[in-house]
Amino acid sequence: MRASRSIIILASLLGTVATAAASPRCKAALETWQPRQALEDKLKAEGWQIRRIKTDDGCYKVEGTRQDGRRVKATFEPDTLTLIREKTRDD
């Protein structure tokens, strides 16, 4: 009985770690967030064309096209506007 309980606890902990590794969560306090417009202005200055900016898991998520023409989905810290993760796709 104890062995099966331990296995269940271990499996749930591993699942939590895998989920955390799969999707970053930003932990900035809401009052420290910069406005979406600041992120949009920053990215446009870098040559991005923005299709969408949304908030998810406490982060800013951006869909757009970089200056080099590559489509990108990116995640940014909302307080520092630092890039956390980027996934590109060529068309």
PDB file of N, CA and C in Angstrom:
ATOM      1  N   MET A   1       0.819  -1.202   0.000  1.00  0.00           N
ATOM      2  CA  MET A   1       0.000   0.000   0.000  1.00  0.00           C
ATOM      3  C   MET A   1       0.859   1.262   0.000  1.00  0.00           C
ATOM      4  N   ARG A   2       1.907   1.269   0.838  1.00  0.00           N
ATOM      5  CA  ARG A   2       2.782   2.441   0.885  1.00  0.00           C
ATOM      6  C   ARG A   2       3.529   2.633  -0.426  1.00  0.00           C
ATOM      7  N   ALA A   3       3.959   1.530  -1.042  1.00  0.00           N
ATOM      8  CA  ALA A   3       4.702   1.631  -2.295  1.00  0.00           C
ATOM      9  C   ALA A   3       3.838   2.248  -3.393  1.00  0.00           C
ATOM     10  N   SER A   4       2.588   1.839  -3.480  1.00  0.00           N
ATOM     11  CA  SER A   4       1.724   2.394  -4.522  1.00  0.00           C
ATOM     12  C   SER A   4       1.416   3.861  -4.256  1.00  0.00           C
ATOM     13  N   ARG A   5       1.280   4.247  -3.015  1.00  0.00           N
ATOM     14  CA  ARG A   5       1.042   5.653  -2.676  1.00  0.00           C
ATOM     15  C   ARG A   5       2.264   6.489  -3.049  1.00  0.00           C
ATOM     16  N   SER A   6       3.445   5.965  -2.772  1.00  0.00           N
ATOM     17  CA  SER A   6       4.684   6.672  -3.118  1.00  0.00           C
ATOM     18  C   SER A   6       4.825   6.831  -4.625  1.00  0.00           C
ATOM     19  N   ILE A   7       4.455   5.801  -5.360  1.00  0.00           N
ATOM     20  CA  ILE A   7       4.531   5.864  -6.817  1.00  0.00           C
ATOM     21  C   ILE A   7       3.581   6.923  -7.353  1.00  0.00           C
ATOM     22  N   ILE A   8       2.397   6.989  -6.805  1.00  0.00           N
ATOM     23  CA  ILE A   8       1.414   7.986  -7.240  1.00  0.00           C
ATOM     24  C   ILE A   8       1.926   9.396  -6.955  1.00  0.00           C
ATOM     25  N   ILE A   9       2.479   9.607  -5.782  1.00  0.00           N
ATOM     26  CA  ILE A   9       3.004  10.936  -5.417  1.00  0.00           C
ATOM     27  C   ILE A   9       4.163  11.303  -6.336  1.00  0.00           C
ATOM     28  N   LEU A  10       5.068  10.365  -6.567  1.00  0.00           N
ATOM     29  CA  LEU A  10       6.206  10.624  -7.442  1.00  0.00           C
ATOM     30  C   LEU A  10       5.753  10.942  -8.865  1.00  0.00           C
ATOM     31  N   ALA A  11       4.787  10.206  -9.367  1.00  0.00           N
ATOM     32  CA  ALA A  11       4.281  10.439 -10.720  1.00  0.00           C
ATOM     33  C   ALA A  11       3.644  11.819 -10.835  1.00  0.00           C
ATOM     34  N   SER A  12       2.905  12.236  -9.817  1.00  0.00           N
ATOM     35  CA  SER A  12       2.269  13.560  -9.886  1.00  0.00           C
ATOM     36  C   SER A  12       3.307  14.668  -9.818  1.00  0.00           C
ATOM     37  N   LEU A  13       4.365  14.473  -9.032  1.00  0.00           N
ATOM     38  CA  LEU A  13       5.428  15.472  -8.960  1.00  0.00           C
ATOM     39  C   LEU A  13       6.167  15.576 -10.291  1.00  0.00           C
ATOM     40  N   LEU A  14       6.452  14.448 -10.915  1.00  0.00           N
ATOM     41  CA  LEU A  14       7.119  14.471 -12.208  1.00  0.00           C
ATOM     42  C   LEU A  14       6.260  15.134 -13.266  1.00  0.00           C
ATOM     43  N   GLY A  15       4.972  14.922 -13.227  1.00  0.00           N
ATOM     44  CA  GLY A  15       4.052  15.573 -14.161  1.00  0.00           C
ATOM     45  C   GLY A  15       4.045  17.069 -13.983  1.00  0.00           C
ATOM     46  N   THR A  16       4.107  17.529 -12.733  1.00  0.00           N
ATOM     47  CA  THR A  16       4.142  18.959 -12.455  1.00  0.00           C
ATOM     48  C   THR A  16       5.425  19.578 -12.982  1.00  0.00           C
ATOM     49  N   VAL A  17       6.544  18.906 -12.783  1.00  0.00           N
ATOM     50  CA  VAL A  17       7.830  19.413 -13.271  1.00  0.00           C
ATOM     51  C   VAL A  17       7.831  19.461 -14.786  1.00  0.00           C
ATOM     52  N   ALA A  18       7.313  18.442 -15.442  1.00  0.00           N
ATOM     53  CA  ALA A  18       7.273  18.418 -16.905  1.00  0.00           C
ATOM     54  C   ALA A  18       6.405  19.539 -17.437  1.00  0.00           C
ATOM     55  N   THR A  19       5.279  19.797 -16.795  1.00  0.00           N
ATOM     56  CA  THR A  19       4.398  20.878 -17.223  1.00  0.00           C
ATOM     57  C   THR A  19       5.079  22.225 -17.046  1.00  0.00           C
ATOM     58  N   ALA A  20       5.761  22.396 -15.931  1.00  0.00           N
ATOM     59  CA  ALA A  20       6.452  23.666 -15.685  1.00  0.00           C
ATOM     60  C   ALA A  20       7.548  23.888 -16.708  1.00  0.00           C
ATOM     61  N   ALA A  21       8.240  22.850 -17.099  1.00  0.00           N
ATOM     62  CA  ALA A  21       9.301  22.985 -18.086  1.00  0.00           C
ATOM     63  C   ALA A  21       8.735  23.265 -19.474  1.00  0.00           C
ATOM     64  N   ALA A  22       7.545  22.783 -19.743  1.00  0.00           N
ATOM     65  CA  ALA A  22       6.951  22.925 -21.066  1.00  0.00           C
ATOM     66  C   ALA A  22       6.450  24.337 -21.327  1.00  0.00           C
ATOM     67  N   SER A  23       5.916  25.004 -20.305  1.00  0.00           N
ATOM     68  CA  SER A  23       5.398  26.342 -20.532  1.00  0.00           C
ATOM     69  C   SER A  23       5.880  27.277 -19.432  1.00  0.00           C
ATOM     70  N   PRO A  24       6.673  28.283 -19.794  1.00  0.00           N
ATOM     71  CA  PRO A  24       7.190  29.197 -18.783  1.00  0.00           C
ATOM     72  C   PRO A  24       6.065  30.024 -18.185  1.00  0.00           C
ATOM     73  N   ARG A  25       6.173  30.280 -16.916  1.00  0.00           N
ATOM     74  CA  ARG A  25       5.209  31.153 -16.257  1.00  0.00           C
ATOM     75  C   ARG A  25       5.951  32.363 -15.734  1.00  0.00           C
ATOM     76  N   CYS A  26       5.429  33.500 -16.025  1.00  0.00           N
ATOM     77  CA  CYS A  26       6.026  34.734 -15.540  1.00  0.00           C
ATOM     78  C   CYS A  26       5.436  35.023 -14.165  1.00  0.00           C
ATOM     79  N   LYS A  27       6.256  35.530 -13.299  1.00  0.00           N
ATOM     80  CA  LYS A  27       5.804  35.730 -11.930  1.00  0.00           C
ATOM     81  C   LYS A  27       5.838  37.195 -11.500  1.00  0.00           C
ATOM     82  N   ALA A  28       5.901  38.097 -12.435  1.00  0.00           N
ATOM     83  CA  ALA A  28       5.952  39.520 -12.105  1.00  0.00           C
ATOM     84  C   ALA A  28       4.614  39.978 -11.536  1.00  0.00           C
ATOM     85  N   ALA A  29       4.685  40.821 -10.527  1.00  0.00           N
ATOM     86  CA  ALA A  29       3.477  41.399  -9.942  1.00  0.00           C
ATOM     87  C   ALA A  29       2.806  42.300 -10.974  1.00  0.00           C
ATOM     88  N   LEU A  30       1.491  42.268 -10.994  1.00  0.00           N
ATOM     89  CA  LEU A  30       0.724  42.998 -12.001  1.00  0.00           C
ATOM     90  C   LEU A  30       1.065  44.483 -12.026  1.00  0.00           C
ATOM     91  N   GLU A  31       1.333  45.069 -10.875  1.00  0.00           N
ATOM     92  CA  GLU A  31       1.622  46.507 -10.843  1.00  0.00           C
ATOM     93  C   GLU A  31       2.980  46.857 -11.461  1.00  0.00           C
ATOM     94  N   THR A  32       3.820  45.856 -11.719  1.00  0.00           N
ATOM     95  CA  THR A  32       5.120  46.116 -12.352  1.00  0.00           C
ATOM     96  C   THR A  32       5.091  45.910 -13.859  1.00  0.00           C
ATOM     97  N   TRP A  33       3.979  45.421 -14.384  1.00  0.00           N
ATOM     98  CA  TRP A  33       3.873  45.151 -15.823  1.00  0.00           C
ATOM     99  C   TRP A  33       3.982  46.439 -16.624  1.00  0.00           C
ATOM    100  N   GLN A  34       4.674  46.339 -17.751  1.00  0.00           N
ATOM    101  CA  GLN A  34       4.669  47.429 -18.712  1.00  0.00           C
ATOM    102  C   GLN A  34       3.466  47.229 -19.636  1.00  0.00           C
ATOM    103  N   PRO A  35       2.933  48.293 -20.196  1.00  0.00           N
ATOM    104  CA  PRO A  35       1.771  48.152 -21.086  1.00  0.00           C
ATOM    105  C   PRO A  35       2.119  47.391 -22.361  1.00  0.00           C
ATOM    106  N   ARG A  36       1.094  46.760 -22.944  1.00  0.00           N
ATOM    107  CA  ARG A  36       1.288  46.031 -24.208  1.00  0.00           C
ATOM    108  C   ARG A  36       1.867  46.939 -25.284  1.00  0.00           C
ATOM    109  N   GLN A  37       1.448  48.184 -25.263  1.00  0.00           N
ATOM    110  CA  GLN A  37       1.922  49.137 -26.270  1.00  0.00           C
ATOM    111  C   GLN A  37       3.432  49.286 -26.206  1.00  0.00           C
ATOM    112  N   ALA A  38       4.007  49.221 -24.999  1.00  0.00           N
ATOM    113  CA  ALA A  38       5.469  49.323 -24.871  1.00  0.00           C
ATOM    114  C   ALA A  38       6.149  48.140 -25.549  1.00  0.00           C
ATOM    115  N   LEU A  39       5.581  46.952 -25.398  1.00  0.00           N
ATOM    116  CA  LEU A  39       6.133  45.772 -26.070  1.00  0.00           C
ATOM    117  C   LEU A  39       5.973  45.893 -27.577  1.00  0.00           C
ATOM    118  N   GLU A  40       4.798  46.327 -28.005  1.00  0.00           N
ATOM    119  CA  GLU A  40       4.557  46.491 -29.439  1.00  0.00           C
ATOM    120  C   GLU A  40       5.527  47.508 -30.040  1.00  0.00           C
ATOM    121  N   ASP A  41       5.731  48.628 -29.358  1.00  0.00           N
ATOM    122  CA  ASP A  41       6.661  49.654 -29.848  1.00  0.00           C
ATOM    123  C   ASP A  41       8.090  49.106 -29.928  1.00  0.00           C
ATOM    124  N   LYS A  42       8.492  48.354 -28.917  1.00  0.00           N
ATOM    125  CA  LYS A  42       9.833  47.760 -28.891  1.00  0.00           C
ATOM    126  C   LYS A  42      10.038  46.823 -30.077  1.00  0.00           C
ATOM    127  N   LEU A  43       9.057  45.952 -30.301  1.00  0.00           N
ATOM    128  CA  LEU A  43       9.183  44.972 -31.379  1.00  0.00           C
ATOM    129  C   LEU A  43       9.121  45.629 -32.762  1.00  0.00           C
ATOM    130  N   LYS A  44       8.260  46.617 -32.918  1.00  0.00           N
ATOM    131  CA  LYS A  44       8.195  47.333 -34.198  1.00  0.00           C
ATOM    132  C   LYS A  44       9.507  48.047 -34.488  1.00  0.00           C
ATOM    133  N   ALA A  45      10.145  48.577 -33.455  1.00  0.00           N
ATOM    134  CA  ALA A  45      11.447  49.226 -33.631  1.00  0.00           C
ATOM    135  C   ALA A  45      12.510  48.219 -34.071  1.00  0.00           C
ATOM    136  N   GLU A  46      12.314  46.950 -33.717  1.00  0.00           N
ATOM    137  CA  GLU A  46      13.226  45.881 -34.132  1.00  0.00           C
ATOM    138  C   GLU A  46      12.836  45.297 -35.492  1.00  0.00           C
ATOM    139  N   GLY A  47      11.776  45.846 -36.114  1.00  0.00           N
ATOM    140  CA  GLY A  47      11.378  45.420 -37.443  1.00  0.00           C
ATOM    141  C   GLY A  47      10.297  44.350 -37.487  1.00  0.00           C
ATOM    142  N   TRP A  48       9.697  44.024 -36.357  1.00  0.00           N
ATOM    143  CA  TRP A  48       8.624  43.025 -36.322  1.00  0.00           C
ATOM    144  C   TRP A  48       7.334  43.618 -36.870  1.00  0.00           C
ATOM    145  N   GLN A  49       6.502  42.761 -37.470  1.00  0.00           N
ATOM    146  CA  GLN A  49       5.112  43.083 -37.778  1.00  0.00           C
ATOM    147  C   GLN A  49       4.290  42.249 -36.802  1.00  0.00           C
ATOM    148  N   ILE A  50       3.495  42.900 -35.993  1.00  0.00           N
ATOM    149  CA  ILE A  50       2.750  42.226 -34.928  1.00  0.00           C
ATOM    150  C   ILE A  50       1.362  41.838 -35.431  1.00  0.00           C
ATOM    151  N   ARG A  51       1.008  40.570 -35.257  1.00  0.00           N
ATOM    152  CA  ARG A  51      -0.349  40.105 -35.558  1.00  0.00           C
ATOM    153  C   ARG A  51      -1.204  40.089 -34.300  1.00  0.00           C
ATOM    154  N   ARG A  52      -0.579  39.690 -33.182  1.00  0.00           N
ATOM    155  CA  ARG A  52      -1.373  39.535 -31.963  1.00  0.00           C
ATOM    156  C   ARG A  52      -0.462  39.583 -30.747  1.00  0.00           C
ATOM    157  N   ILE A  53      -0.937  40.253 -29.688  1.00  0.00           N
ATOM    158  CA  ILE A  53      -0.297  40.205 -28.378  1.00  0.00           C
ATOM    159  C   ILE A  53      -1.385  39.818 -27.392  1.00  0.00           C
ATOM    160  N   LYS A  54      -1.137  38.766 -26.629  1.00  0.00           N
ATOM    161  CA  LYS A  54      -2.108  38.350 -25.622  1.00  0.00           C
ATOM    162  C   LYS A  54      -1.384  38.043 -24.322  1.00  0.00           C
ATOM    163  N   THR A  55      -2.153  37.924 -23.257  1.00  0.00           N
ATOM    164  CA  THR A  55      -1.616  37.566 -21.960  1.00  0.00           C
ATOM    165  C   THR A  55      -2.008  36.125 -21.672  1.00  0.00           C
ATOM    166  N   ASP A  56      -1.005  35.315 -21.279  1.00  0.00           N
ATOM    167  CA  ASP A  56      -1.255  33.914 -20.970  1.00  0.00           C
ATOM    168  C   ASP A  56      -0.213  33.450 -19.953  1.00  0.00           C
ATOM    169  N   ASP A  57      -0.641  32.753 -18.930  1.00  0.00           N
ATOM    170  CA  ASP A  57       0.252  32.258 -17.873  1.00  0.00           C
ATOM    171  C   ASP A  57       1.080  33.381 -17.256  1.00  0.00           C
ATOM    172  N   GLY A  58       0.531  34.570 -17.197  1.00  0.00           N
ATOM    173  CA  GLY A  58       1.239  35.696 -16.607  1.00  0.00           C
ATOM    174  C   GLY A  58       2.319  36.292 -17.490  1.00  0.00           C
ATOM    175  N   CYS A  59       2.344  35.906 -18.761  1.00  0.00           N
ATOM    176  CA  CYS A  59       3.344  36.395 -19.715  1.00  0.00           C
ATOM    177  C   CYS A  59       2.640  37.085 -20.883  1.00  0.00           C
ATOM    178  N   TYR A  60       3.419  37.870 -21.621  1.00  0.00           N
ATOM    179  CA  TYR A  60       2.937  38.365 -22.905  1.00  0.00           C
ATOM    180  C   TYR A  60       3.324  37.347 -23.964  1.00  0.00           C
ATOM    181  N   LYS A  61       2.365  36.962 -24.807  1.00  0.00           N
ATOM    182  CA  LYS A  61       2.617  36.049 -25.919  1.00  0.00           C
ATOM    183  C   LYS A  61       2.369  36.831 -27.209  1.00  0.00           C
ATOM    184  N   VAL A  62       3.323  36.758 -28.112  1.00  0.00           N
ATOM    185  CA  VAL A  62       3.273  37.547 -29.342  1.00  0.00           C
ATOM    186  C   VAL A  62       3.308  36.621 -30.548  1.00  0.00           C
ATOM    187  N   GLU A  63       2.457  36.904 -31.519  1.00  0.00           N
ATOM    188  CA  GLU A  63       2.508  36.246 -32.826  1.00  0.00           C
ATOM    189  C   GLU A  63       2.784  37.340 -33.841  1.00  0.00           C
ATOM    190  N   GLY A  64       3.767  37.097 -34.691  1.00  0.00           N
ATOM    191  CA  GLY A  64       4.087  38.108 -35.676  1.00  0.00           C
ATOM    192  C   GLY A  64       5.129  37.620 -36.665  1.00  0.00           C
ATOM    193  N   THR A  65       5.708  38.575 -37.367  1.00  0.00           N
ATOM    194  CA  THR A  65       6.740  38.293 -38.367  1.00  0.00           C
ATOM    195  C   THR A  65       7.935  39.185 -38.067  1.00  0.00           C
ATOM    196  N   ARG A  66       9.114  38.574 -38.020  1.00  0.00           N
ATOM    197  CA  ARG A  66      10.333  39.342 -37.785  1.00  0.00           C
ATOM    198  C   ARG A  66      10.766  40.045 -39.061  1.00  0.00           C
ATOM    199  N   GLN A  67      11.750  40.914 -38.925  1.00  0.00           N
ATOM    200  CA  GLN A  67      12.256  41.694 -40.058  1.00  0.00           C
ATOM    201  C   GLN A  67      12.763  40.795 -41.178  1.00  0.00           C
ATOM    202  N   ASP A  68      13.282  39.619 -40.830  1.00  0.00           N
ATOM    203  CA  ASP A  68      13.811  38.703 -41.851  1.00  0.00           C
ATOM    204  C   ASP A  68      12.714  37.898 -42.545  1.00  0.00           C
ATOM    205  N   GLY A  69      11.437  38.159 -42.202  1.00  0.00           N
ATOM    206  CA  GLY A  69      10.312  37.502 -42.857  1.00  0.00           C
ATOM    207  C   GLY A  69       9.864  36.200 -42.214  1.00  0.00           C
ATOM    208  N   ARG A  70      10.530  35.791 -41.153  1.00  0.00           N
ATOM    209  CA  ARG A  70      10.158  34.542 -40.481  1.00  0.00           C
ATOM    210  C   ARG A  70       9.003  34.784 -39.507  1.00  0.00           C
ATOM    211  N   ARG A  71       8.003  33.909 -39.594  1.00  0.00           N
ATOM    212  CA  ARG A  71       6.881  33.980 -38.657  1.00  0.00           C
ATOM    213  C   ARG A  71       7.360  33.480 -37.307  1.00  0.00           C
ATOM    214  N   VAL A  72       6.879  34.110 -36.254  1.00  0.00           N
ATOM    215  CA  VAL A  72       7.371  33.784 -34.919  1.00  0.00           C
ATOM    216  C   VAL A  72       6.254  33.837 -33.887  1.00  0.00           C
ATOM    217  N   LYS A  73       6.356  32.942 -32.912  1.00  0.00           N
ATOM    218  CA  LYS A  73       5.550  32.993 -31.698  1.00  0.00           C
ATOM    219  C   LYS A  73       6.554  33.149 -30.564  1.00  0.00           C
ATOM    220  N   ALA A  74       6.366  34.168 -29.739  1.00  0.00           N
ATOM    221  CA  ALA A  74       7.344  34.464 -28.703  1.00  0.00           C
ATOM    222  C   ALA A  74       6.656  34.775 -27.379  1.00  0.00           C
ATOM    223  N   THR A  75       7.378  34.517 -26.292  1.00  0.00           N
ATOM    224  CA  THR A  75       6.896  34.782 -24.943  1.00  0.00           C
ATOM    225  C   THR A  75       7.841  35.781 -24.285  1.00  0.00           C
ATOM    226  N   PHE A  76       7.264  36.812 -23.643  1.00  0.00           N
ATOM    227  CA  PHE A  76       8.041  37.877 -23.015  1.00  0.00           C
ATOM    228  C   PHE A  76       7.627  38.072 -21.564  1.00  0.00           C
ATOM    229  N   GLU A  77       8.607  38.424 -20.718  1.00  0.00           N
ATOM    230  CA  GLU A  77       8.322  38.846 -19.342  1.00  0.00           C
ATOM    231  C   GLU A  77       7.554  40.166 -19.418  1.00  0.00           C
ATOM    232  N   PRO A  78       6.463  40.306 -18.689  1.00  0.00           N
ATOM    233  CA  PRO A  78       5.658  41.519 -18.805  1.00  0.00           C
ATOM    234  C   PRO A  78       6.257  42.743 -18.107  1.00  0.00           C
ATOM    235  N   ASP A  79       7.178  42.544 -17.173  1.00  0.00           N
ATOM    236  CA  ASP A  79       7.749  43.690 -16.469  1.00  0.00           C
ATOM    237  C   ASP A  79       9.008  44.223 -17.148  1.00  0.00           C
ATOM    238  N   THR A  80       9.838  43.334 -17.676  1.00  0.00           N
ATOM    239  CA  THR A  80      11.094  43.755 -18.312  1.00  0.00           C
ATOM    240  C   THR A  80      11.047  43.683 -19.832  1.00  0.00           C
ATOM    241  N   LEU A  81      10.001  43.045 -20.371  1.00  0.00           N
ATOM    242  CA  LEU A  81       9.833  42.814 -21.804  1.00  0.00           C
ATOM    243  C   LEU A  81      10.992  41.998 -22.379  1.00  0.00           C
ATOM    244  N   THR A  82      11.553  41.138 -21.539  1.00  0.00           N
ATOM    245  CA  THR A  82      12.640  40.250 -21.930  1.00  0.00           C
ATOM    246  C   THR A  82      12.076  39.019 -22.621  1.00  0.00           C
ATOM    247  N   LEU A  83      12.687  38.620 -23.722  1.00  0.00           N
ATOM    248  CA  LEU A  83      12.277  37.420 -24.446  1.00  0.00           C
ATOM    249  C   LEU A  83      12.585  36.185 -23.603  1.00  0.00           C
ATOM    250  N   ILE A  84      11.586  35.314 -23.437  1.00  0.00           N
ATOM    251  CA  ILE A  84      11.757  34.063 -22.692  1.00  0.00           C
ATOM    252  C   ILE A  84      11.895  32.892 -23.646  1.00  0.00           C
ATOM    253  N   ARG A  85      11.006  32.840 -24.619  1.00  0.00           N
ATOM    254  CA  ARG A  85      10.960  31.715 -25.555  1.00  0.00           C
ATOM    255  C   ARG A  85      10.522  32.226 -26.913  1.00  0.00           C
ATOM    256  N   GLU A  86      11.075  31.607 -27.955  1.00  0.00           N
ATOM    257  CA  GLU A  86      10.734  32.000 -29.312  1.00  0.00           C
ATOM    258  C   GLU A  86      10.663  30.750 -30.185  1.00  0.00           C
ATOM    259  N   LYS A  87       9.638  30.683 -30.985  1.00  0.00           N
ATOM    260  CA  LYS A  87       9.485  29.576 -31.929  1.00  0.00           C
ATOM    261  C   LYS A  87       9.234  30.192 -33.292  1.00  0.00           C
ATOM    262  N   THR A  88      10.102  29.862 -34.257  1.00  0.00           N
ATOM    263  CA  THR A  88       9.960  30.433 -35.596  1.00  0.00           C
ATOM    264  C   THR A  88       9.487  29.388 -36.578  1.00  0.00           C
ATOM    265  N   ARG A  89       8.900  29.885 -37.665  1.00  0.00           N
ATOM    266  CA  ARG A  89       8.422  29.019 -38.739  1.00  0.00           C
ATOM    267  C   ARG A  89       8.638  29.740 -40.056  1.00  0.00           C
ATOM    268  N   ASP A  90       9.298  29.073 -40.980  1.00  0.00           N
ATOM    269  CA  ASP A  90       9.508  29.641 -42.317  1.00  0.00           C
ATOM    270  C   ASP A  90       8.298  29.330 -43.196  1.00  0.00           C
ATOM    271  N   ASP A  91       7.934  30.264 -44.027  1.00  0.00           N
ATOM    272  CA  ASP A  91       6.845  30.050 -44.988  1.00  0.00           C
ATOM    273  C   ASP A  91       7.362  30.118 -46.386  1.00  0.00           C
TER     274      ASP A  91
END
